[in-house]
PDB file of N, CA and C in Angstrom:
ATOM      1  N   MET A   1       0.693  -1.072  -0.193  1.00  0.00           N
ATOM      2  CA  MET A   1      -0.034  -0.269  -0.086  1.00  0.00           C
ATOM      3  C   MET A   1       1.113   1.381   0.180  1.00  0.00           C
ATOM      4  N   LEU A   2       0.325   2.621  -0.267  1.00  0.00           N
ATOM      5  CA  LEU A   2       1.069   3.835  -0.535  1.00  0.00           C
ATOM      6  C   LEU A   2       0.650   4.305   0.740  1.00  0.00           C
ATOM      7  N   THR A   3       1.508   5.394   1.143  1.00  0.00           N
ATOM      8  CA  THR A   3       1.481   6.111   2.380  1.00  0.00           C
ATOM      9  C   THR A   3       1.390   7.669   1.871  1.00  0.00           C
ATOM     10  N   GLU A   4       0.619   8.248   2.617  1.00  0.00           N
ATOM     11  CA  GLU A   4       0.376   9.852   2.621  1.00  0.00           C
ATOM     12  C   GLU A   4       1.872  10.423   2.742  1.00  0.00           C
ATOM     13  N   PRO A   5       1.937  11.615   2.514  1.00  0.00           N
ATOM     14  CA  PRO A   5       3.337  12.346   2.907  1.00  0.00           C
ATOM     15  C   PRO A   5       3.780  12.354   4.429  1.00  0.00           C
ATOM     16  N   GLY A   6       2.561  12.293   5.199  1.00  0.00           N
ATOM     17  CA  GLY A   6       2.658  12.370   7.092  1.00  0.00           C
ATOM     18  C   GLY A   6       2.734  10.701   7.540  1.00  0.00           C
ATOM     19  N   GLY A   7       2.710   9.575   6.399  1.00  0.00           N
ATOM     20  CA  GLY A   7       3.012   8.271   6.741  1.00  0.00           C
ATOM     21  C   GLY A   7       1.707   7.474   6.938  1.00  0.00           C
ATOM     22  N   ASP A   8       0.679   8.117   6.698  1.00  0.00           N
ATOM     23  CA  ASP A   8      -0.734   6.876   6.792  1.00  0.00           C
ATOM     24  C   ASP A   8      -0.864   6.421   5.846  1.00  0.00           C
ATOM     25  N   ILE A   9      -1.294   5.034   5.836  1.00  0.00           N
ATOM     26  CA  ILE A   9      -1.667   4.415   4.925  1.00  0.00           C
ATOM     27  C   ILE A   9      -3.085   4.468   4.090  1.00  0.00           C
ATOM     28  N   VAL A  10      -2.982   4.629   2.777  1.00  0.00           N
ATOM     29  CA  VAL A  10      -4.153   4.733   2.246  1.00  0.00           C
ATOM     30  C   VAL A  10      -4.558   3.591   1.622  1.00  0.00           C
ATOM     31  N   PRO A  11      -5.705   3.600   2.259  1.00  0.00           N
ATOM     32  CA  PRO A  11      -6.346   2.208   1.839  1.00  0.00           C
ATOM     33  C   PRO A  11      -6.679   1.888   0.531  1.00  0.00           C
ATOM     34  N   GLY A  12      -6.200   0.844  -0.053  1.00  0.00           N
ATOM     35  CA  GLY A  12      -6.765   0.489  -1.574  1.00  0.00           C
ATOM     36  C   GLY A  12      -5.875   0.947  -2.444  1.00  0.00           C
ATOM     37  N   LEU A  13      -4.784   1.339  -2.084  1.00  0.00           N
ATOM     38  CA  LEU A  13      -3.729   2.017  -3.263  1.00  0.00           C
ATOM     39  C   LEU A  13      -2.279   1.399  -2.715  1.00  0.00           C
ATOM     40  N   TYR A  14      -2.160   0.741  -3.984  1.00  0.00           N
ATOM     41  CA  TYR A  14      -0.832  -0.291  -4.148  1.00  0.00           C
ATOM     42  C   TYR A  14      -0.116   0.487  -5.361  1.00  0.00           C
ATOM     43  N   ALA A  15       1.227  -0.154  -4.661  1.00  0.00           N
ATOM     44  CA  ALA A  15       2.181   0.288  -6.052  1.00  0.00           C
ATOM     45  C   ALA A  15       3.112  -1.036  -6.261  1.00  0.00           C
ATOM     46  N   THR A  16       3.809  -0.710  -7.455  1.00  0.00           N
ATOM     47  CA  THR A  16       4.477  -1.886  -7.727  1.00  0.00           C
ATOM     48  C   THR A  16       6.103  -1.458  -8.737  1.00  0.00           C
ATOM     49  N   GLY A  17       6.775  -1.934  -8.935  1.00  0.00           N
ATOM     50  CA  GLY A  17       7.991  -1.631  -9.905  1.00  0.00           C
ATOM     51  C   GLY A  17       8.725  -0.488  -9.579  1.00  0.00           C
ATOM     52  N   TRP A  18       8.804   0.181 -10.556  1.00  0.00           N
ATOM     53  CA  TRP A  18       9.753   1.638  -9.947  1.00  0.00           C
ATOM     54  C   TRP A  18       9.374   2.595  -8.637  1.00  0.00           C
ATOM     55  N   ILE A  19       8.121   2.662  -8.816  1.00  0.00           N
ATOM     56  CA  ILE A  19       6.998   3.577  -8.007  1.00  0.00           C
ATOM     57  C   ILE A  19       7.454   2.930  -6.626  1.00  0.00           C
ATOM     58  N   LYS A  20       7.758   2.160  -6.442  1.00  0.00           N
ATOM     59  CA  LYS A  20       7.651   1.047  -5.344  1.00  0.00           C
ATOM     60  C   LYS A  20       8.655   1.346  -4.838  1.00  0.00           C
ATOM     61  N   ARG A  21       9.954   1.145  -5.409  1.00  0.00           N
ATOM     62  CA  ARG A  21      11.279   1.089  -5.014  1.00  0.00           C
ATOM     63  C   ARG A  21      12.280   1.787  -5.550  1.00  0.00           C
ATOM     64  N   GLY A  22      11.973   2.678  -6.323  1.00  0.00           N
ATOM     65  CA  GLY A  22      12.852   3.555  -7.488  1.00  0.00           C
ATOM     66  C   GLY A  22      13.189   2.875  -8.689  1.00  0.00           C
ATOM     67  N   PRO A  23      13.968   3.553  -9.560  1.00  0.00           N
ATOM     68  CA  PRO A  23      14.570   2.936 -10.735  1.00  0.00           C
ATOM     69  C   PRO A  23      15.526   2.180 -10.671  1.00  0.00           C
ATOM     70  N   ILE A  24      15.411   0.527 -10.229  1.00  0.00           N
ATOM     71  CA  ILE A  24      16.280  -0.320  -9.980  1.00  0.00           C
ATOM     72  C   ILE A  24      16.921  -1.264 -11.264  1.00  0.00           C
ATOM     73  N   GLY A  25      15.672  -0.954 -12.158  1.00  0.00           N
ATOM     74  CA  GLY A  25      15.709  -1.480 -13.601  1.00  0.00           C
ATOM     75  C   GLY A  25      15.996  -3.426 -13.346  1.00  0.00           C
ATOM     76  N   LEU A  26      15.788  -3.948 -12.716  1.00  0.00           N
ATOM     77  CA  LEU A  26      16.129  -5.317 -12.788  1.00  0.00           C
ATOM     78  C   LEU A  26      14.892  -6.214 -12.438  1.00  0.00           C
ATOM     79  N   ILE A  27      14.572  -6.782 -13.737  1.00  0.00           N
ATOM     80  CA  ILE A  27      13.186  -7.543 -13.710  1.00  0.00           C
ATOM     81  C   ILE A  27      13.044  -8.534 -12.819  1.00  0.00           C
ATOM     82  N   GLY A  28      13.651  -9.005 -12.461  1.00  0.00           N
ATOM     83  CA  GLY A  28      13.511  -9.766 -11.005  1.00  0.00           C
ATOM     84  C   GLY A  28      13.027  -9.024  -9.870  1.00  0.00           C
ATOM     85  N   ASN A  29      13.653  -7.921  -9.813  1.00  0.00           N
ATOM     86  CA  ASN A  29      13.071  -7.360  -8.717  1.00  0.00           C
ATOM     87  C   ASN A  29      11.625  -6.610  -8.957  1.00  0.00           C
ATOM     88  N   THR A  30      11.560  -6.447 -10.292  1.00  0.00           N
ATOM     89  CA  THR A  30      10.133  -5.968 -10.396  1.00  0.00           C
ATOM     90  C   THR A  30       9.191  -6.730 -10.543  1.00  0.00           C
ATOM     91  N   LYS A  31       9.612  -8.086 -10.853  1.00  0.00           N
ATOM     92  CA  LYS A  31       8.503  -8.948 -10.859  1.00  0.00           C
ATOM     93  C   LYS A  31       8.112  -9.380  -9.418  1.00  0.00           C
ATOM     94  N   SER A  32       9.035  -9.852  -8.322  1.00  0.00           N
ATOM     95  CA  SER A  32       8.718  -9.855  -7.120  1.00  0.00           C
ATOM     96  C   SER A  32       7.997  -8.843  -6.509  1.00  0.00           C
ATOM     97  N   ASP A  33       8.220  -7.805  -6.821  1.00  0.00           N
ATOM     98  CA  ASP A  33       7.660  -6.458  -6.385  1.00  0.00           C
ATOM     99  C   ASP A  33       5.938  -6.923  -6.634  1.00  0.00           C
ATOM    100  N   ALA A  34       5.864  -6.996  -7.970  1.00  0.00           N
ATOM    101  CA  ALA A  34       4.480  -7.443  -8.757  1.00  0.00           C
ATOM    102  C   ALA A  34       3.817  -8.643  -7.959  1.00  0.00           C
ATOM    103  N   LYS A  35       4.851  -9.494  -7.530  1.00  0.00           N
ATOM    104  CA  LYS A  35       3.800 -10.282  -6.974  1.00  0.00           C
ATOM    105  C   LYS A  35       3.890 -10.286  -5.410  1.00  0.00           C
ATOM    106  N   ASP A  36       4.295  -9.500  -4.884  1.00  0.00           N
ATOM    107  CA  ASP A  36       4.206  -9.039  -3.461  1.00  0.00           C
ATOM    108  C   ASP A  36       3.077  -8.306  -3.362  1.00  0.00           C
ATOM    109  N   THR A  37       2.770  -6.793  -4.430  1.00  0.00           N
ATOM    110  CA  THR A  37       1.680  -6.391  -4.548  1.00  0.00           C
ATOM    111  C   THR A  37       0.254  -7.139  -4.586  1.00  0.00           C
ATOM    112  N   THR A  38       0.244  -8.194  -5.685  1.00  0.00           N
ATOM    113  CA  THR A  38      -0.793  -8.519  -5.909  1.00  0.00           C
ATOM    114  C   THR A  38      -1.391  -9.681  -4.994  1.00  0.00           C
ATOM    115  N   THR A  39      -0.396 -10.089  -4.371  1.00  0.00           N
ATOM    116  CA  THR A  39      -0.695 -11.030  -3.119  1.00  0.00           C
ATOM    117  C   THR A  39      -1.255 -10.360  -1.569  1.00  0.00           C
ATOM    118  N   MET A  40      -0.634  -9.145  -1.491  1.00  0.00           N
ATOM    119  CA  MET A  40      -1.468  -8.123  -0.736  1.00  0.00           C
ATOM    120  C   MET A  40      -2.689  -7.650  -0.792  1.00  0.00           C
ATOM    121  N   LEU A  41      -2.734  -7.199  -2.191  1.00  0.00           N
ATOM    122  CA  LEU A  41      -4.263  -6.811  -2.663  1.00  0.00           C
ATOM    123  C   LEU A  41      -5.317  -7.732  -2.766  1.00  0.00           C
ATOM    124  N   ILE A  42      -4.758  -9.476  -3.083  1.00  0.00           N
ATOM    125  CA  ILE A  42      -5.840 -10.190  -2.841  1.00  0.00           C
ATOM    126  C   ILE A  42      -6.221 -10.678  -1.616  1.00  0.00           C
ATOM    127  N   ASP A  43      -4.969 -10.187  -0.360  1.00  0.00           N
ATOM    128  CA  ASP A  43      -5.305 -10.696   0.815  1.00  0.00           C
ATOM    129  C   ASP A  43      -6.662  -9.647   1.157  1.00  0.00           C
ATOM    130  N   ASP A  44      -6.244  -8.482   0.594  1.00  0.00           N
ATOM    131  CA  ASP A  44      -7.012  -7.369   1.429  1.00  0.00           C
ATOM    132  C   ASP A  44      -8.576  -7.496   0.712  1.00  0.00           C
ATOM    133  N   PHE A  45      -8.454  -7.761  -0.520  1.00  0.00           N
ATOM    134  CA  PHE A  45     -10.274  -8.315  -1.126  1.00  0.00           C
ATOM    135  C   PHE A  45     -10.591  -9.298  -0.442  1.00  0.00           C
ATOM    136  N   ARG A  46      -9.931 -10.658  -0.030  1.00  0.00           N
ATOM    137  CA  ARG A  46     -10.319 -11.777   0.598  1.00  0.00           C
ATOM    138  C   ARG A  46     -10.821 -11.336   2.402  1.00  0.00           C
ATOM    139  N   ASN A  47     -10.104 -10.509   2.768  1.00  0.00           N
ATOM    140  CA  ASN A  47     -10.637 -10.044   4.151  1.00  0.00           C
ATOM    141  C   ASN A  47     -11.514  -9.018   4.487  1.00  0.00           C
ATOM    142  N   GLY A  48     -11.919  -8.657   3.070  1.00  0.00           N
ATOM    143  CA  GLY A  48     -12.635  -7.253   3.375  1.00  0.00           C
ATOM    144  C   GLY A  48     -12.137  -6.080   3.693  1.00  0.00           C
ATOM    145  N   SER A  49     -11.106  -5.620   3.656  1.00  0.00           N
ATOM    146  CA  SER A  49     -10.758  -4.375   3.619  1.00  0.00           C
ATOM    147  C   SER A  49     -10.649  -3.277   2.684  1.00  0.00           C
ATOM    148  N   LEU A  50     -11.224  -3.895   1.562  1.00  0.00           N
ATOM    149  CA  LEU A  50     -11.638  -3.238   0.400  1.00  0.00           C
ATOM    150  C   LEU A  50     -12.442  -2.612   0.379  1.00  0.00           C
ATOM    151  N   GLU A  51     -12.503  -1.200   0.034  1.00  0.00           N
ATOM    152  CA  GLU A  51     -14.192  -0.787  -0.156  1.00  0.00           C
ATOM    153  C   GLU A  51     -14.628  -0.570  -1.295  1.00  0.00           C
ATOM    154  N   LEU A  52     -15.370  -1.444  -1.583  1.00  0.00           N
ATOM    155  CA  LEU A  52     -15.809  -2.170  -3.191  1.00  0.00           C
ATOM    156  C   LEU A  52     -16.950  -0.991  -3.384  1.00  0.00           C
ATOM    157  N   THR A  53     -17.304  -0.976  -4.819  1.00  0.00           N
ATOM    158  CA  THR A  53     -18.407   0.115  -5.220  1.00  0.00           C
ATOM    159  C   THR A  53     -18.526  -0.574  -6.796  1.00  0.00           C
ATOM    160  N   ASP A  54     -19.688  -0.247  -7.304  1.00  0.00           N
ATOM    161  CA  ASP A  54     -20.571  -0.618  -8.319  1.00  0.00           C
ATOM    162  C   ASP A  54     -19.902  -0.085  -9.676  1.00  0.00           C
ATOM    163  N   LYS A  55     -19.566   1.168  -9.048  1.00  0.00           N
ATOM    164  CA  LYS A  55     -18.909   2.217 -10.040  1.00  0.00           C
ATOM    165  C   LYS A  55     -17.515   1.983 -10.626  1.00  0.00           C
ATOM    166  N   ARG A  56     -17.318   1.437 -11.952  1.00  0.00           N
ATOM    167  CA  ARG A  56     -16.094   0.813 -12.253  1.00  0.00           C
ATOM    168  C   ARG A  56     -15.963   1.539 -13.897  1.00  0.00           C
ATOM    169  N   ASP A  57     -16.252   2.705 -14.210  1.00  0.00           N
ATOM    170  CA  ASP A  57     -15.858   3.394 -15.297  1.00  0.00           C
ATOM    171  C   ASP A  57     -14.320   3.740 -15.102  1.00  0.00           C
ATOM    172  N   PRO A  58     -13.820   3.305 -16.323  1.00  0.00           N
ATOM    173  CA  PRO A  58     -12.484   3.884 -16.394  1.00  0.00           C
ATOM    174  C   PRO A  58     -11.856   4.922 -16.522  1.00  0.00           C
ATOM    175  N   GLN A  59     -12.994   5.845 -16.962  1.00  0.00           N
ATOM    176  CA  GLN A  59     -12.781   7.302 -17.379  1.00  0.00           C
ATOM    177  C   GLN A  59     -12.777   7.982 -15.713  1.00  0.00           C
ATOM    178  N   ASP A  60     -13.291   7.533 -14.955  1.00  0.00           N
ATOM    179  CA  ASP A  60     -13.043   8.010 -13.326  1.00  0.00           C
ATOM    180  C   ASP A  60     -11.753   8.186 -13.027  1.00  0.00           C
ATOM    181  N   ILE A  61     -10.890   7.349 -13.028  1.00  0.00           N
ATOM    182  CA  ILE A  61      -9.604   7.282 -12.739  1.00  0.00           C
ATOM    183  C   ILE A  61      -8.767   8.541 -13.306  1.00  0.00           C
ATOM    184  N   LEU A  62      -9.401   8.774 -14.749  1.00  0.00           N
ATOM    185  CA  LEU A  62      -8.350   9.846 -15.478  1.00  0.00           C
ATOM    186  C   LEU A  62      -9.082  11.063 -15.116  1.00  0.00           C
ATOM    187  N   ASP A  63     -10.337  11.380 -14.855  1.00  0.00           N
ATOM    188  CA  ASP A  63     -10.884  12.442 -13.989  1.00  0.00           C
ATOM    189  C   ASP A  63     -10.391  12.771 -12.919  1.00  0.00           C
ATOM    190  N   LEU A  64     -10.059  11.749 -12.133  1.00  0.00           N
ATOM    191  CA  LEU A  64      -9.547  12.450 -10.583  1.00  0.00           C
ATOM    192  C   LEU A  64      -8.043  12.867 -11.052  1.00  0.00           C
ATOM    193  N   LEU A  65      -7.580  12.107 -11.905  1.00  0.00           N
ATOM    194  CA  LEU A  65      -5.970  12.639 -12.189  1.00  0.00           C
ATOM    195  C   LEU A  65      -5.836  13.826 -12.863  1.00  0.00           C
ATOM    196  N   ALA A  66      -6.648  14.325 -13.619  1.00  0.00           N
ATOM    197  CA  ALA A  66      -6.684  15.000 -14.428  1.00  0.00           C
ATOM    198  C   ALA A  66      -7.103  16.281 -13.271  1.00  0.00           C
ATOM    199  N   SER A  67      -7.944  16.275 -12.186  1.00  0.00           N
ATOM    200  CA  SER A  67      -8.388  17.007 -11.523  1.00  0.00           C
ATOM    201  C   SER A  67      -7.226  17.319 -10.708  1.00  0.00           C
ATOM    202  N   LYS A  68      -6.160  16.783 -10.414  1.00  0.00           N
ATOM    203  CA  LYS A  68      -5.161  16.863  -9.815  1.00  0.00           C
ATOM    204  C   LYS A  68      -4.000  17.467 -10.490  1.00  0.00           C
ATOM    205  N   ASN A  69      -4.144  17.556 -11.858  1.00  0.00           N
ATOM    206  CA  ASN A  69      -3.316  18.139 -13.140  1.00  0.00           C
ATOM    207  C   ASN A  69      -1.802  17.104 -13.013  1.00  0.00           C
ATOM    208  N   VAL A  70      -2.361  15.804 -12.738  1.00  0.00           N
ATOM    209  CA  VAL A  70      -1.573  14.777 -13.464  1.00  0.00           C
ATOM    210  C   VAL A  70      -1.769  14.246 -14.566  1.00  0.00           C
ATOM    211  N   ASN A  71      -0.779  14.261 -15.481  1.00  0.00           N
ATOM    212  CA  ASN A  71      -0.916  14.024 -17.071  1.00  0.00           C
ATOM    213  C   ASN A  71      -0.878  12.332 -17.044  1.00  0.00           C
ATOM    214  N   ALA A  72      -1.861  11.562 -17.138  1.00  0.00           N
ATOM    215  CA  ALA A  72      -2.071   9.962 -17.299  1.00  0.00           C
ATOM    216  C   ALA A  72      -1.344   9.768 -18.905  1.00  0.00           C
ATOM    217  N   THR A  73      -0.730   8.269 -18.746  1.00  0.00           N
ATOM    218  CA  THR A  73      -0.848   8.213 -20.135  1.00  0.00           C
ATOM    219  C   THR A  73      -1.933   6.793 -20.819  1.00  0.00           C
ATOM    220  N   THR A  74      -2.474   7.247 -21.799  1.00  0.00           N
ATOM    221  CA  THR A  74      -3.364   6.373 -22.121  1.00  0.00           C
ATOM    222  C   THR A  74      -2.802   4.967 -22.965  1.00  0.00           C
ATOM    223  N   TRP A  75      -3.711   4.334 -23.094  1.00  0.00           N
ATOM    224  CA  TRP A  75      -3.153   3.096 -24.355  1.00  0.00           C
ATOM    225  C   TRP A  75      -2.786   3.748 -25.264  1.00  0.00           C
ATOM    226  N   GLU A  76      -3.589   5.057 -26.024  1.00  0.00           N
ATOM    227  CA  GLU A  76      -3.339   5.693 -27.092  1.00  0.00           C
ATOM    228  C   GLU A  76      -1.833   6.029 -27.021  1.00  0.00           C
ATOM    229  N   GLY A  77      -1.921   6.732 -26.147  1.00  0.00           N
ATOM    230  CA  GLY A  77      -0.380   7.561 -25.545  1.00  0.00           C
ATOM    231  C   GLY A  77       0.748   6.519 -25.520  1.00  0.00           C
ATOM    232  N   TRP A  78       0.391   5.382 -25.252  1.00  0.00           N
ATOM    233  CA  TRP A  78       1.475   4.428 -24.931  1.00  0.00           C
ATOM    234  C   TRP A  78       2.134   3.949 -26.614  1.00  0.00           C
ATOM    235  N   HIS A  79       1.035   3.851 -27.462  1.00  0.00           N
ATOM    236  CA  HIS A  79       1.422   3.484 -28.928  1.00  0.00           C
ATOM    237  C   HIS A  79       1.568   4.781 -29.577  1.00  0.00           C
ATOM    238  N   ASN A  80       1.471   5.850 -29.335  1.00  0.00           N
ATOM    239  CA  ASN A  80       1.922   7.233 -29.679  1.00  0.00           C
ATOM    240  C   ASN A  80       3.684   7.110 -29.288  1.00  0.00           C
ATOM    241  N   LEU A  81       4.059   6.729 -28.261  1.00  0.00           N
ATOM    242  CA  LEU A  81       5.337   6.662 -27.750  1.00  0.00           C
ATOM    243  C   LEU A  81       6.244   5.329 -28.370  1.00  0.00           C
ATOM    244  N   ASP A  82       5.355   4.747 -28.402  1.00  0.00           N
ATOM    245  CA  ASP A  82       5.899   3.384 -29.042  1.00  0.00           C
ATOM    246  C   ASP A  82       6.633   3.704 -30.647  1.00  0.00           C
ATOM    247  N   ALA A  83       5.520   4.461 -31.204  1.00  0.00           N
ATOM    248  CA  ALA A  83       6.019   4.847 -32.629  1.00  0.00           C
ATOM    249  C   ALA A  83       6.889   5.715 -32.626  1.00  0.00           C
ATOM    250  N   HIS A  84       6.895   6.594 -31.794  1.00  0.00           N
ATOM    251  CA  HIS A  84       8.156   7.743 -31.727  1.00  0.00           C
ATOM    252  C   HIS A  84       9.357   7.098 -31.549  1.00  0.00           C
ATOM    253  N   GLU A  85       9.398   6.366 -30.142  1.00  0.00           N
ATOM    254  CA  GLU A  85      10.869   5.450 -30.223  1.00  0.00           C
ATOM    255  C   GLU A  85      11.227   4.518 -31.031  1.00  0.00           C
ATOM    256  N   ARG A  86      10.202   3.667 -32.034  1.00  0.00           N
ATOM    257  CA  ARG A  86      10.488   3.185 -33.655  1.00  0.00           C
ATOM    258  C   ARG A  86      11.091   3.979 -34.455  1.00  0.00           C
ATOM    259  N   ALA A  87      10.546   5.147 -34.430  1.00  0.00           N
ATOM    260  CA  ALA A  87      10.663   6.180 -35.374  1.00  0.00           C
ATOM    261  C   ALA A  87      12.220   6.427 -35.485  1.00  0.00           C
ATOM    262  N   LEU A  88      12.646   6.797 -34.159  1.00  0.00           N
ATOM    263  CA  LEU A  88      14.146   7.607 -33.855  1.00  0.00           C
ATOM    264  C   LEU A  88      15.114   6.225 -33.728  1.00  0.00           C
ATOM    265  N   GLY A  89      14.740   5.166 -33.366  1.00  0.00           N
ATOM    266  CA  GLY A  89      15.785   4.010 -34.218  1.00  0.00           C
ATOM    267  C   GLY A  89      15.582   3.685 -35.223  1.00  0.00           C
ATOM    268  N   GLU A  90      14.830   3.843 -36.150  1.00  0.00           N
ATOM    269  CA  GLU A  90      14.994   3.351 -37.511  1.00  0.00           C
ATOM    270  C   GLU A  90      15.621   4.655 -38.043  1.00  0.00           C
ATOM    271  N   ALA A  91      15.686   5.781 -37.723  1.00  0.00           N
ATOM    272  CA  ALA A  91      16.624   6.963 -38.433  1.00  0.00           C
ATOM    273  C   ALA A  91      17.903   6.867 -37.970  1.00  0.00           C
ATOM    274  N   GLU A  92      18.275   5.736 -37.001  1.00  0.00           N
ATOM    275  CA  GLU A  92      19.772   5.435 -36.572  1.00  0.00           C
ATOM    276  C   GLU A  92      20.139   3.844 -36.942  1.00  0.00           C
ATOM    277  N   GLY A  93      19.284   3.399 -37.660  1.00  0.00           N
ATOM    278  CA  GLY A  93      19.116   1.941 -38.025  1.00  0.00           C
ATOM    279  C   GLY A  93      19.218   0.800 -36.980  1.00  0.00           C
ATOM    280  N   ARG A  94      18.261   1.041 -36.250  1.00  0.00           N
ATOM    281  CA  ARG A  94      18.126   0.099 -34.982  1.00  0.00           C
ATOM    282  C   ARG A  94      16.454  -0.107 -34.894  1.00  0.00           C
ATOM    283  N   GLY A  95      16.181  -0.987 -34.240  1.00  0.00           N
ATOM    284  CA  GLY A  95      14.477  -1.282 -33.906  1.00  0.00           C
ATOM    285  C   GLY A  95      13.974   0.026 -33.052  1.00  0.00           C
ATOM    286  N   ARG A  96      14.594   0.403 -32.271  1.00  0.00           N
ATOM    287  CA  ARG A  96      13.892   1.658 -31.562  1.00  0.00           C
ATOM    288  C   ARG A  96      15.193   2.350 -30.936  1.00  0.00           C
ATOM    289  N   ARG A  97      14.605   3.564 -30.358  1.00  0.00           N
ATOM    290  CA  ARG A  97      15.626   4.278 -29.448  1.00  0.00           C
ATOM    291  C   ARG A  97      14.889   4.487 -28.144  1.00  0.00           C
ATOM    292  N   LYS A  98      15.102   4.137 -26.957  1.00  0.00           N
ATOM    293  CA  LYS A  98      14.583   4.299 -25.959  1.00  0.00           C
ATOM    294  C   LYS A  98      14.315   5.865 -25.477  1.00  0.00           C
ATOM    295  N   VAL A  99      13.551   6.292 -25.001  1.00  0.00           N
ATOM    296  CA  VAL A  99      13.098   7.695 -24.737  1.00  0.00           C
ATOM    297  C   VAL A  99      13.211   7.503 -23.032  1.00  0.00           C
ATOM    298  N   VAL A 100      13.925   8.104 -22.492  1.00  0.00           N
ATOM    299  CA  VAL A 100      14.077   8.225 -21.082  1.00  0.00           C
ATOM    300  C   VAL A 100      13.983   9.188 -20.051  1.00  0.00           C
ATOM    301  N   GLU A 101      13.879  10.388 -20.693  1.00  0.00           N
ATOM    302  CA  GLU A 101      13.560  11.487 -19.983  1.00  0.00           C
ATOM    303  C   GLU A 101      11.859  11.361 -19.800  1.00  0.00           C
ATOM    304  N   TRP A 102      11.378  11.928 -18.860  1.00  0.00           N
ATOM    305  CA  TRP A 102       9.835  11.765 -18.442  1.00  0.00           C
ATOM    306  C   TRP A 102       9.382  12.841 -19.439  1.00  0.00           C
ATOM    307  N   ASN A 103       9.769  14.359 -19.514  1.00  0.00           N
ATOM    308  CA  ASN A 103       9.240  15.017 -20.176  1.00  0.00           C
ATOM    309  C   ASN A 103       9.023  14.673 -21.671  1.00  0.00           C
ATOM    310  N   ASP A 104      10.010  14.359 -21.931  1.00  0.00           N
ATOM    311  CA  ASP A 104      10.232  13.583 -23.459  1.00  0.00           C
ATOM    312  C   ASP A 104       9.220  12.268 -23.912  1.00  0.00           C
ATOM    313  N   MET A 105       8.891  11.392 -22.805  1.00  0.00           N
ATOM    314  CA  MET A 105       7.850  10.618 -22.839  1.00  0.00           C
ATOM    315  C   MET A 105       6.510  11.070 -22.829  1.00  0.00           C
ATOM    316  N   VAL A 106       6.257  12.117 -22.036  1.00  0.00           N
ATOM    317  CA  VAL A 106       4.818  12.702 -21.895  1.00  0.00           C
ATOM    318  C   VAL A 106       4.761  13.342 -23.306  1.00  0.00           C
ATOM    319  N   THR A 107       5.429  14.225 -23.813  1.00  0.00           N
ATOM    320  CA  THR A 107       5.411  14.833 -24.868  1.00  0.00           C
ATOM    321  C   THR A 107       5.075  13.910 -26.455  1.00  0.00           C
ATOM    322  N   ALA A 108       6.059  12.952 -26.394  1.00  0.00           N
ATOM    323  CA  ALA A 108       5.479  12.082 -27.351  1.00  0.00           C
ATOM    324  C   ALA A 108       4.009  11.451 -27.151  1.00  0.00           C
ATOM    325  N   SER A 109       3.951  11.120 -26.088  1.00  0.00           N
ATOM    326  CA  SER A 109       2.680  10.146 -25.979  1.00  0.00           C
ATOM    327  C   SER A 109       1.449  10.753 -26.072  1.00  0.00           C
ATOM    328  N   HIS A 110       1.253  12.428 -25.790  1.00  0.00           N
ATOM    329  CA  HIS A 110       0.550  13.204 -25.580  1.00  0.00           C
ATOM    330  C   HIS A 110       0.881  14.507 -25.980  1.00  0.00           C
ATOM    331  N   PRO A 111       0.833  14.656 -27.052  1.00  0.00           N
ATOM    332  CA  PRO A 111       1.314  16.291 -27.463  1.00  0.00           C
ATOM    333  C   PRO A 111       0.607  17.183 -27.104  1.00  0.00           C
ATOM    334  N   GLU A 112      -0.623  16.882 -26.669  1.00  0.00           N
ATOM    335  CA  GLU A 112      -1.291  18.067 -26.309  1.00  0.00           C
ATOM    336  C   GLU A 112      -1.271  18.394 -24.757  1.00  0.00           C
ATOM    337  N   TYR A 113      -0.222  17.656 -24.196  1.00  0.00           N
ATOM    338  CA  TYR A 113      -0.418  17.982 -22.965  1.00  0.00           C
ATOM    339  C   TYR A 113       0.873  19.300 -22.860  1.00  0.00           C
ATOM    340  N   GLU A 114       0.677  20.341 -21.967  1.00  0.00           N
ATOM    341  CA  GLU A 114       1.909  21.129 -22.125  1.00  0.00           C
ATOM    342  C   GLU A 114       2.540  21.142 -20.605  1.00  0.00           C
ATOM    343  N   ILE A 115       3.867  20.741 -20.992  1.00  0.00           N
ATOM    344  CA  ILE A 115       4.820  20.807 -19.719  1.00  0.00           C
ATOM    345  C   ILE A 115       5.596  21.930 -19.377  1.00  0.00           C
TER     346      ILE A 115
END
């Protein structure tokens, strides 16, 4: 689970990968993080500590993030970034050139965002 800046646990909010540990970059660590987080999520579901709702519109999370000025990447945005990385790689005779800077990733995935 994630914690608020004051250290309080935020119920129903989970993290894995780099957001959990930082940019370690090792797949083994990321996979074990994902397994640990999934186990915690399933345990919380089974013991009834998750607040369930019938409202499951994916747009709700995008609206929440937008209300907090968080630029989220959509599936379409991922495809934009993927195409951009492939084009960069093709220009260098490679399969792709990975974009690693956050602002560059956001710009490539969603050019309409102002950074």
